[in-house]
């Protein structure tokens, strides 16, 4: 899988339109928002510009986003062919929401 910088990861989640970013001292937290309400689905991305998200870190993000068995959907989420509403629909169908 392609590697991503922490800045690229933040840009991806900001573009989705369904994540709310909360900056904390050690990480940027991205909470999934559905109908204007924060859910318990979130991921965290490092502040550090030197961090590269390779397979191990990407697998952690994938698990946090409840896509641990859906590698193809996770990759599509990262390259923006799996849009925010599609992701929310998937989570509802899977029983996470």
Protein backbone atom coordinates (compact mmCIF):
# COMPACT_ATOMS: atom_id res chain seq x y z
CA UNK A 1 0.00 0.00 0.00
CA UNK A 2 1.15 3.54 -0.69
CA UNK A 3 2.64 5.52 2.20
CA UNK A 4 1.13 8.85 3.26
CA UNK A 5 2.56 11.73 5.25
CA UNK A 6 0.66 12.91 8.32
CA UNK A 7 -0.26 16.08 6.38
CA UNK A 8 -1.70 14.00 3.53
CA UNK A 9 -3.73 11.97 6.04
CA UNK A 10 -5.14 15.13 7.64
CA UNK A 11 -6.04 16.50 4.20
CA UNK A 12 -7.83 13.27 3.27
CA UNK A 13 -10.02 13.35 6.38
CA UNK A 14 -10.72 17.08 6.12
CA UNK A 15 -11.90 16.61 2.51
CA UNK A 16 -14.38 13.87 3.43
CA UNK A 17 -16.77 16.37 4.98
CA UNK A 18 -18.03 13.91 7.57
CA UNK A 19 -15.13 14.15 10.02
CA UNK A 20 -14.66 16.77 12.69
CA UNK A 21 -11.06 17.59 13.51
CA UNK A 22 -10.08 18.22 17.10
CA UNK A 23 -6.49 19.17 17.76
CA UNK A 24 -4.99 17.85 20.94
CA UNK A 25 -1.48 18.15 22.24
CA UNK A 26 -0.15 14.94 20.70
CA UNK A 27 -2.43 14.17 17.73
CA UNK A 28 -5.18 15.46 15.49
CA UNK A 29 -8.36 13.52 16.24
CA UNK A 30 -10.94 13.01 13.50
CA UNK A 31 -14.40 12.08 14.77
CA UNK A 32 -17.04 10.80 12.38
CA UNK A 33 -20.08 13.10 12.37
CA UNK A 34 -23.50 11.77 11.35
CA UNK A 35 -26.51 14.10 11.22
CA UNK A 36 -24.52 16.73 13.10
CA UNK A 37 -23.69 14.38 15.99
CA UNK A 38 -20.29 13.03 16.94
CA UNK A 39 -20.06 9.23 16.88
CA UNK A 40 -17.67 6.92 18.70
CA UNK A 41 -15.79 6.26 15.45
CA UNK A 42 -12.56 8.23 15.22
CA UNK A 43 -8.94 8.06 14.25
CA UNK A 44 -5.92 10.03 15.30
CA UNK A 45 -3.17 11.43 13.13
CA UNK A 46 0.20 12.64 14.34
CA UNK A 47 1.16 16.33 14.41
CA UNK A 48 4.67 15.40 13.30
CA UNK A 49 5.49 16.12 9.67
CA UNK A 50 8.17 13.42 9.66
CA UNK A 51 5.75 10.55 10.33
CA UNK A 52 5.00 8.37 7.32
CA UNK A 53 1.87 6.24 7.40
CA UNK A 54 3.00 2.94 5.97
CA UNK A 55 1.35 -0.47 6.30
CA UNK A 56 1.51 -0.78 10.09
CA UNK A 57 0.13 2.69 10.90
CA UNK A 58 -2.41 2.46 8.08
CA UNK A 59 -3.68 -0.82 9.53
CA UNK A 60 -4.21 0.93 12.88
CA UNK A 61 -6.22 3.69 11.18
CA UNK A 62 -8.15 1.07 9.20
CA UNK A 63 -9.12 -0.71 12.44
CA UNK A 64 -10.09 2.55 14.17
CA UNK A 65 -12.41 3.36 11.27
CA UNK A 66 -14.08 -0.08 11.49
CA UNK A 67 -12.73 -1.14 8.10
CA UNK A 68 -10.40 -3.87 9.40
CA UNK A 69 -11.86 -6.53 7.07
CA UNK A 70 -12.37 -4.15 4.15
CA UNK A 71 -8.92 -3.26 2.84
CA UNK A 72 -10.29 -2.30 -0.58
CA UNK A 73 -12.83 0.12 0.96
CA UNK A 74 -10.12 1.62 3.16
CA UNK A 75 -7.84 2.17 0.15
CA UNK A 76 -10.76 3.78 -1.72
CA UNK A 77 -11.43 6.01 1.29
CA UNK A 78 -7.82 7.19 1.15
CA UNK A 79 -7.81 7.91 -2.58
CA UNK A 80 -11.24 9.56 -2.32
CA UNK A 81 -13.26 7.19 -4.51
CA UNK A 82 -15.19 5.99 -1.42
CA UNK A 83 -16.97 9.15 -0.31
CA UNK A 84 -18.13 10.12 3.16
CA UNK A 85 -21.78 9.22 2.58
CA UNK A 86 -20.77 5.83 1.13
CA UNK A 87 -18.66 5.21 4.23
CA UNK A 88 -21.55 6.14 6.55
CA UNK A 89 -23.90 3.83 4.61
CA UNK A 90 -21.38 0.99 4.93
CA UNK A 91 -21.11 1.54 8.69
CA UNK A 92 -24.90 1.52 9.08
CA UNK A 93 -25.23 -1.69 7.03
CA UNK A 94 -22.45 -3.30 9.09
CA UNK A 95 -24.12 -2.38 12.39
CA UNK A 96 -21.50 0.09 13.58
CA UNK A 97 -23.98 2.98 13.49
